[in-house]
Amino acid sequence: MMNARSRLTRSLAVFATGAAIATAGAIFGTANADGVSGVFKTPLGPGLTVHTNTGDKPAYILNLDLDGSSDILQTYCIDIHTSTWDGVAYTEATWAEGSVANLGKVTWVLNHGYPAITAAALLTAVNDYGPDLAGLTQNQAAAATQAAVWHFSDGSNLENPNLPEVVAVYNYLTLSAVATSEPAPSLSILPATLSGPVGERIGPFTVTTSAASVALSATGGIITDAVGTLLATVGNGGTFYITMAGEGSVTISATATATLSSGRVFITTADSPRQKLIAAKSMTAESVVTVEAQATTTTTTQPPATTTTTTQPVVTTTSVAVEPPVVTTTSVVASEAVLPATGRTTASLLAMALGMAMMGGATLMVTRRRPT
């Protein structure tokens, strides 16, 4: 027979509480498998069941068994209506990829709640704030911190009945919270993939990390800086390039022992949705990122000949045959009939004129010979 703790552990491992995939805006998977990764494992951490406006909820610390080490990352749920269970894989993600409301205030709650500070330190902070609690256990502190996280991430509120210690811590955290900035990733390299010609430097890849140094390695390519100097390590904000002698792809692996800050989101890469988690406490962890470079052979291709067709405007000329004006000509035939009719012919008239002219000449001669 399972004891009460075992039954509760099993219940939380399938944390359904109604519609298992009701959370809006869920994003699953990342563009680049970067940062810290791990697997959700039971048993659970400290906590209690609390009563909320959406029913009774098991408010416990959830543990991620980190890849590549024996370390355990403590997390809280930021996705109250979605389930998760033992063996689900998680990877570090940005707030945008997590797509959860009010993560700035959630992060403030984490930094001022349990386990970021001890139950004793949290008790002191709560008593300075108002209520005078006689004591505070780890289970009470964890349950109150998870309830305060849900208040901002999912709009959930505590309702009676709840332990007065849990209510006092919940009120202190929710009423005091202010928005904070997104913590830096443990390790991130962007972009996830780049391509370029064979023999030329492909990049830059840009590194963001909380580690002092990141170790780089690649097989099938040479890692350099912008001027071609070989690189084996790079720091935060640094860049690197890949040169490949032949066509193909190469995977670059970056490894760092980095600070994983509270407030970093963890999501699943499975096709179906799983409950989203958030780091409850900062810790040092090994972070591994892989990116890819692809080299291709460049083929020079002449651009197709451009044929320029000049289109002349089409002028349509309509030839209109213009007939010359019709001139009506009356042909007059010169003949004897043109002269006035005198009853004489032209020849006789000419003879008469000649005769008269001769007579006039003779008269003039006679006149000149007559003595004065």
Protein backbone atom coordinates (compact mmCIF):
# COMPACT_ATOMS: atom_id res chain seq x y z
CA MET A 1 0.00 0.00 0.00
CA MET A 2 1.27 3.46 -0.90
CA ASN A 3 1.63 5.94 1.91
CA ALA A 4 0.10 9.42 1.70
CA ARG A 5 3.36 10.99 0.43
CA SER A 6 3.70 8.39 -2.35
CA ARG A 7 0.10 8.91 -3.45
CA LEU A 8 0.61 12.67 -3.54
CA THR A 9 3.83 12.27 -5.51
CA ARG A 10 2.08 10.12 -8.06
CA SER A 11 -0.82 12.58 -8.23
CA LEU A 12 1.48 15.51 -8.93
CA ALA A 13 3.47 13.54 -11.50
CA VAL A 14 0.36 13.49 -13.69
CA PHE A 15 -0.67 17.03 -12.58
CA ALA A 16 -3.81 17.28 -14.73
CA THR A 17 -6.36 19.37 -12.79
CA GLY A 18 -8.91 19.58 -15.54
CA ALA A 19 -7.99 20.38 -19.13
CA ALA A 20 -4.40 19.16 -19.39
CA ILE A 21 -3.53 21.36 -22.35
CA ALA A 22 -5.63 24.43 -21.65
CA THR A 23 -2.79 26.92 -21.31
CA ALA A 24 -3.00 29.51 -24.07
CA GLY A 25 -0.03 30.60 -26.12
CA ALA A 26 2.13 27.59 -25.29
CA ILE A 27 5.34 27.28 -27.27
CA PHE A 28 7.07 23.93 -27.35
CA GLY A 29 10.66 23.51 -28.42
CA THR A 30 13.33 26.07 -29.11
CA ALA A 31 14.99 27.30 -32.27
CA ASN A 32 18.26 26.18 -30.77
CA ALA A 33 18.74 23.47 -28.13
CA ASP A 34 20.76 25.75 -25.93
CA GLY A 35 21.64 26.02 -22.28
CA VAL A 36 20.90 23.64 -19.44
CA SER A 37 18.67 20.61 -20.02
CA GLY A 38 17.28 17.90 -17.81
CA VAL A 39 14.51 15.39 -17.09
CA PHE A 40 11.64 15.74 -14.64
CA LYS A 41 12.06 13.20 -11.87
CA THR A 42 10.20 12.20 -8.73
CA PRO A 43 10.30 12.26 -5.71
CA LEU A 44 9.10 15.80 -5.29
CA GLY A 45 10.64 18.50 -3.17
CA PRO A 46 9.05 20.26 -0.18
CA GLY A 47 5.47 21.53 -0.42
CA LEU A 48 1.80 21.15 0.56
CA THR A 49 -1.60 21.06 -1.10
CA VAL A 50 -3.20 24.50 -1.14
CA HIS A 51 -6.78 25.59 -1.76
CA THR A 52 -7.23 28.06 -4.63
CA ASN A 53 -10.08 29.61 -6.58
CA THR A 54 -9.57 26.81 -9.13
CA GLY A 55 -9.57 24.00 -6.59
CA ASP A 56 -7.02 22.13 -4.49
CA LYS A 57 -3.55 22.18 -6.00
CA PRO A 58 -0.41 20.28 -4.94
CA ALA A 59 2.11 23.13 -4.50
CA TYR A 60 5.52 21.42 -4.45
CA ILE A 61 9.03 21.99 -5.69
CA LEU A 62 9.62 19.98 -8.87
CA ASN A 63 13.05 18.47 -9.53
CA LEU A 64 14.92 18.30 -12.82
CA ASP A 65 17.71 15.74 -13.11
CA LEU A 66 20.25 17.72 -15.15
CA ASP A 67 21.88 16.16 -18.19
CA GLY A 68 25.56 15.38 -17.97
CA SER A 69 25.79 15.66 -14.19
CA SER A 70 24.35 14.42 -10.90
CA ASP A 71 22.97 17.87 -10.07
CA ILE A 72 19.29 18.49 -9.35
CA LEU A 73 17.62 21.75 -10.39
CA GLN A 74 14.70 22.89 -8.21
CA THR A 75 11.83 24.42 -10.17
CA TYR A 76 8.26 25.62 -9.77
CA CYS A 77 5.30 25.20 -12.08
CA ILE A 78 4.24 28.24 -14.17
CA ASP A 79 1.54 26.40 -16.09
CA ILE A 80 -1.11 25.28 -13.58
CA HIS A 81 -3.56 23.74 -16.07
CA THR A 82 -1.08 21.54 -17.97
CA SER A 83 0.25 18.17 -16.85
CA THR A 84 3.72 16.67 -16.64
CA TRP A 85 5.11 13.37 -15.44
CA ASP A 86 8.23 11.43 -14.63
CA GLY A 87 10.73 11.23 -17.50
CA VAL A 88 9.65 14.32 -19.48
CA ALA A 89 12.67 16.11 -20.98
CA TYR A 90 13.11 19.88 -20.54
CA THR A 91 15.47 22.49 -21.94
CA GLU A 92 16.28 26.07 -20.95
CA ALA A 93 14.39 28.71 -22.92
CA THR A 94 13.79 32.43 -23.15
CA TRP A 95 10.79 34.18 -21.66
CA ALA A 96 9.42 34.76 -25.15
CA GLU A 97 9.61 31.05 -25.89
CA GLY A 98 7.93 30.28 -22.57
CA SER A 99 5.08 32.71 -23.36
CA VAL A 100 3.93 33.04 -19.72
CA ALA A 101 2.44 36.17 -18.17
CA ASN A 102 4.16 38.35 -15.56
CA LEU A 103 7.49 36.54 -15.48
CA GLY A 104 9.17 39.69 -14.19
CA LYS A 105 7.10 39.55 -11.00
CA VAL A 106 7.38 35.76 -10.84
CA THR A 107 11.17 36.15 -10.79
CA TRP A 108 10.95 38.66 -7.92
CA VAL A 109 8.86 36.12 -5.97
CA LEU A 110 11.46 33.41 -6.64
CA ASN A 111 14.35 35.60 -5.49
CA HIS A 112 12.55 36.51 -2.25
CA GLY A 113 10.84 33.18 -1.62
CA TYR A 114 11.87 29.64 -0.76
CA PRO A 115 14.33 28.02 -1.57
CA ALA A 116 16.24 31.10 -2.80
CA ILE A 117 16.25 32.10 0.87
CA THR A 118 15.84 29.75 3.78
CA ALA A 119 12.57 29.24 5.60
CA ALA A 120 14.05 31.05 8.62
CA ALA A 121 15.07 34.09 6.53
CA LEU A 122 11.67 34.15 4.86
CA LEU A 123 10.00 34.05 8.28
CA THR A 124 11.96 37.13 9.33
CA ALA A 125 10.99 38.99 6.15
CA VAL A 126 7.32 38.14 6.63
CA ASN A 127 7.32 39.22 10.30
CA ASP A 128 9.02 42.50 9.34
CA TYR A 129 6.30 43.00 6.76
CA GLY A 130 3.38 42.52 9.18
CA PRO A 131 2.16 39.24 10.67
CA ASP A 132 4.00 37.80 13.66
CA LEU A 133 4.46 34.12 12.81
CA ALA A 134 5.81 31.77 15.46
CA GLY A 135 7.51 29.61 12.89
CA LEU A 136 7.66 28.52 9.24
CA THR A 137 8.50 25.09 7.88
CA GLN A 138 10.09 24.30 4.52
CA ASN A 139 6.86 22.70 3.35
CA GLN A 140 4.85 25.81 4.26
CA ALA A 141 7.43 28.12 2.68
CA ALA A 142 7.52 26.11 -0.57
CA ALA A 143 3.72 25.87 -0.83
CA ALA A 144 3.33 29.61 -0.24
CA THR A 145 6.01 30.47 -2.82
CA GLN A 146 4.42 28.20 -5.45
CA ALA A 147 0.99 29.73 -4.74
CA ALA A 148 2.46 33.23 -5.18
CA VAL A 149 4.07 32.16 -8.49
CA TRP A 150 0.70 30.88 -9.74
CA HIS A 151 -0.93 34.17 -8.74
CA PHE A 152 1.15 35.96 -11.39
CA SER A 153 1.64 33.22 -14.01
CA ASP A 154 -1.90 31.82 -14.06
CA GLY A 155 -4.13 34.29 -12.19
CA SER A 156 -4.71 31.80 -9.36
CA ASN A 157 -5.57 33.02 -5.84
CA LEU A 158 -5.57 31.37 -2.44
CA GLU A 159 -8.95 30.88 -0.81
CA ASN A 160 -9.88 29.58 2.63
CA PRO A 161 -9.13 27.19 4.13
CA ASN A 162 -5.32 27.39 4.12
CA LEU A 163 -2.69 27.38 6.84
CA PRO A 164 -2.12 30.90 8.29
CA GLU A 165 1.64 30.55 7.69
CA VAL A 166 1.04 29.83 4.01
CA VAL A 167 -1.39 32.74 3.69
CA ALA A 168 1.01 35.14 5.44
CA VAL A 169 3.94 34.27 3.16
CA TYR A 170 1.70 34.33 0.06
CA ASN A 171 0.42 37.83 0.94
CA TYR A 172 3.94 39.12 1.59
CA LEU A 173 5.23 37.83 -1.76
CA THR A 174 2.28 38.86 -3.94
CA LEU A 175 1.84 42.32 -2.42
CA SER A 176 5.55 43.16 -2.45
CA ALA A 177 6.48 41.88 -5.93
CA VAL A 178 7.81 44.25 -8.59
CA ALA A 179 8.76 43.39 -12.16
CA THR A 180 12.38 42.45 -12.78
CA SER A 181 14.39 41.91 -15.97
CA GLU A 182 14.84 38.56 -17.66
CA PRO A 183 17.99 36.86 -16.36
CA ALA A 184 20.75 36.11 -18.84
CA PRO A 185 20.91 32.59 -20.32
CA SER A 186 23.50 30.19 -19.00
CA LEU A 187 24.71 29.76 -22.58
CA SER A 188 23.25 30.69 -25.94
CA ILE A 189 24.70 30.87 -29.45
CA LEU A 190 22.93 32.56 -32.34
CA PRO A 191 22.15 31.85 -35.06
CA ALA A 192 21.55 28.11 -34.82
CA THR A 193 22.84 27.54 -38.35
CA LEU A 194 24.74 29.47 -41.02
CA SER A 195 25.95 28.64 -44.52
CA GLY A 196 28.62 29.96 -46.87
CA PRO A 197 31.07 29.05 -49.66
CA VAL A 198 33.68 26.33 -49.24
CA GLY A 199 37.01 27.75 -48.01
CA GLU A 200 35.55 31.02 -46.73
CA ARG A 201 34.82 32.00 -43.13
CA ILE A 202 31.19 31.28 -42.22
CA GLY A 203 29.82 33.49 -39.45
CA PRO A 204 29.66 35.24 -37.17
CA PHE A 205 28.13 33.09 -34.45
CA THR A 206 27.54 35.19 -31.31
CA VAL A 207 27.86 33.80 -27.78
CA THR A 208 25.81 34.92 -24.77
CA THR A 209 26.71 33.31 -21.45
CA SER A 210 26.98 33.81 -17.71
CA ALA A 211 30.20 31.76 -17.75
CA ALA A 212 33.68 33.27 -17.71
CA SER A 213 34.71 31.16 -20.69
CA VAL A 214 33.12 28.82 -23.22
CA ALA A 215 35.03 25.91 -24.76
CA LEU A 216 34.51 25.37 -28.49
CA SER A 217 35.07 22.25 -30.56
CA ALA A 218 34.25 21.10 -34.08
CA THR A 219 35.11 18.18 -36.35
CA GLY A 220 35.46 18.84 -40.07
CA GLY A 221 35.93 22.58 -39.75
CA ILE A 222 38.29 25.19 -38.30
CA ILE A 223 37.07 27.64 -35.62
CA THR A 224 38.56 31.14 -35.93
CA ASP A 225 37.93 34.77 -35.13
CA ALA A 226 37.05 37.37 -37.76
CA VAL A 227 40.63 37.64 -39.07
CA GLY A 228 41.32 33.90 -39.16
CA THR A 229 43.10 33.34 -35.82
CA LEU A 230 42.32 29.91 -34.39
CA LEU A 231 39.95 29.89 -31.40
CA ALA A 232 39.41 27.28 -28.68
CA THR A 233 37.48 29.45 -26.19
CA VAL A 234 35.28 32.52 -26.27
CA GLY A 235 33.65 34.76 -23.65
CA ASN A 236 30.30 36.46 -23.25
CA GLY A 237 29.49 38.58 -26.30
CA GLY A 238 32.28 36.96 -28.31
CA THR A 239 31.96 35.75 -31.88
CA PHE A 240 33.52 32.96 -33.92
CA TYR A 241 33.62 31.73 -37.51
CA ILE A 242 33.92 28.35 -39.21
CA THR A 243 36.02 27.54 -42.29
CA MET A 244 35.52 24.25 -44.12
CA ALA A 245 37.80 22.79 -46.78
CA GLY A 246 35.06 20.81 -48.48
CA GLU A 247 31.37 20.86 -49.08
CA GLY A 248 29.11 19.63 -46.26
CA SER A 249 28.12 20.54 -42.71
CA VAL A 250 29.87 20.60 -39.35
CA THR A 251 28.46 20.74 -35.83
CA ILE A 252 30.10 23.11 -33.36
CA SER A 253 29.80 22.18 -29.68
CA ALA A 254 30.10 24.83 -26.96
CA THR A 255 30.42 23.84 -23.32
CA ALA A 256 30.55 26.02 -20.22
CA THR A 257 30.17 25.75 -16.48
CA ALA A 258 27.78 28.62 -16.04
CA THR A 259 25.41 30.20 -13.58
CA LEU A 260 21.83 29.13 -14.18
CA SER A 261 19.78 31.96 -12.69
CA SER A 262 16.45 31.70 -10.93
CA GLY A 263 13.77 32.86 -13.33
CA ARG A 264 15.10 30.89 -16.31
CA VAL A 265 12.23 29.07 -18.03
CA PHE A 266 12.23 25.38 -18.96
CA ILE A 267 9.97 23.99 -21.66
CA THR A 268 9.59 20.66 -23.39
CA THR A 269 10.67 19.84 -26.93
CA ALA A 270 7.98 17.19 -27.38
CA ASP A 271 5.27 17.65 -29.99
CA SER A 272 2.52 17.61 -27.34
CA PRO A 273 2.40 20.21 -24.57
CA ARG A 274 3.86 19.62 -21.11
CA GLN A 275 3.80 21.80 -18.05
CA LYS A 276 6.27 24.70 -18.20
CA LEU A 277 8.69 25.16 -15.31
CA ILE A 278 10.89 27.94 -13.93
CA ALA A 279 14.17 27.70 -12.02
CA ALA A 280 13.44 28.35 -8.34
CA LYS A 281 17.02 28.96 -7.24
CA SER A 282 20.25 29.96 -8.98
CA MET A 283 22.93 27.34 -9.28
CA THR A 284 26.08 26.48 -11.22
CA ALA A 285 25.51 23.91 -13.94
CA GLU A 286 27.12 22.60 -17.08
CA SER A 287 25.58 24.11 -20.17
CA VAL A 288 26.01 22.68 -23.67
CA VAL A 289 25.00 24.26 -26.99
CA THR A 290 25.37 22.92 -30.52
CA VAL A 291 25.12 24.95 -33.72
CA GLU A 292 25.75 24.08 -37.36
CA ALA A 293 27.74 25.53 -40.25
CA GLN A 294 27.18 24.45 -43.85
CA ALA A 295 29.66 24.94 -46.70
CA THR A 296 28.54 24.86 -50.30
CA THR A 297 30.35 25.03 -53.62
CA THR A 298 29.60 28.25 -55.38
CA THR A 299 28.76 27.87 -59.07
CA THR A 300 29.11 30.99 -61.15
CA THR A 301 26.10 31.30 -63.32
CA GLN A 302 25.90 33.88 -66.05
CA PRO A 303 22.73 35.82 -65.83
CA PRO A 304 20.34 35.18 -68.70
CA ALA A 305 20.73 37.53 -71.66
CA THR A 306 18.37 40.37 -71.43
CA THR A 307 16.56 41.09 -74.67
CA THR A 308 15.39 44.63 -74.92
CA THR A 309 12.51 45.05 -77.25
CA THR A 310 11.84 48.61 -78.29
CA THR A 311 8.27 48.99 -79.16
CA GLN A 312 7.57 51.81 -81.54
CA PRO A 313 4.19 53.36 -81.24
CA VAL A 314 1.96 52.15 -84.01
CA VAL A 315 0.81 55.05 -86.14
CA THR A 316 -2.12 54.18 -88.32
CA THR A 317 -2.20 56.33 -91.43
CA THR A 318 -5.39 56.39 -93.33
CA SER A 319 -4.79 57.46 -96.92
CA VAL A 320 -7.65 59.45 -98.22
CA ALA A 321 -7.60 59.87 -101.97
CA VAL A 322 -8.45 63.45 -102.62
CA GLU A 323 -9.91 63.91 -106.02
CA PRO A 324 -8.76 67.13 -107.70
CA PRO A 325 -11.51 69.67 -108.02
CA VAL A 326 -13.50 69.24 -111.11
CA VAL A 327 -12.86 72.17 -113.37
CA THR A 328 -15.33 72.52 -116.13
CA THR A 329 -13.53 73.96 -119.10
CA THR A 330 -15.49 75.41 -121.96
CA SER A 331 -13.33 75.10 -125.05
CA VAL A 332 -13.78 78.04 -127.31
CA VAL A 333 -12.69 77.32 -130.87
CA ALA A 334 -11.24 80.42 -132.56
CA SER A 335 -13.02 80.82 -135.81
CA GLU A 336 -14.55 83.42 -137.94
CA ALA A 337 -17.71 83.16 -135.95
CA VAL A 338 -15.96 84.81 -132.94
CA LEU A 339 -15.89 88.24 -134.69
CA PRO A 340 -19.02 90.21 -135.04
CA ALA A 341 -20.98 89.11 -138.02
CA THR A 342 -20.68 91.80 -140.69
CA GLY A 343 -21.61 89.75 -143.67
CA ARG A 344 -17.94 89.64 -144.72
CA THR A 345 -15.23 87.13 -144.27
CA THR A 346 -12.03 87.85 -142.50
CA ALA A 347 -9.99 87.71 -145.67
CA SER A 348 -12.07 90.36 -147.39
CA LEU A 349 -11.84 92.61 -144.37
CA LEU A 350 -8.06 92.33 -144.34
CA ALA A 351 -7.90 93.21 -148.03
CA MET A 352 -10.02 96.28 -147.47
CA ALA A 353 -7.80 97.40 -144.55
CA LEU A 354 -4.68 97.06 -146.68
CA GLY A 355 -6.19 99.03 -149.47
CA MET A 356 -7.16 101.85 -147.17
CA ALA A 357 -3.67 101.97 -145.71
CA MET A 358 -2.15 102.29 -149.23
CA MET A 359 -4.54 105.04 -150.15
CA GLY A 360 -3.65 106.95 -147.00
CA GLY A 361 0.02 106.71 -147.90
CA ALA A 362 -0.55 108.01 -151.38
CA THR A 363 -2.52 110.97 -150.10
CA LEU A 364 0.31 111.88 -147.70
CA MET A 365 2.81 111.87 -150.53
CA VAL A 366 0.67 114.14 -152.72
CA THR A 367 0.25 116.51 -149.83
CA ARG A 368 3.98 116.85 -149.27
CA ARG A 369 4.69 117.68 -152.97
CA ARG A 370 2.17 120.49 -153.17
CA PRO A 371 3.95 123.90 -153.10
CA THR A 372 3.33 126.05 -150.11
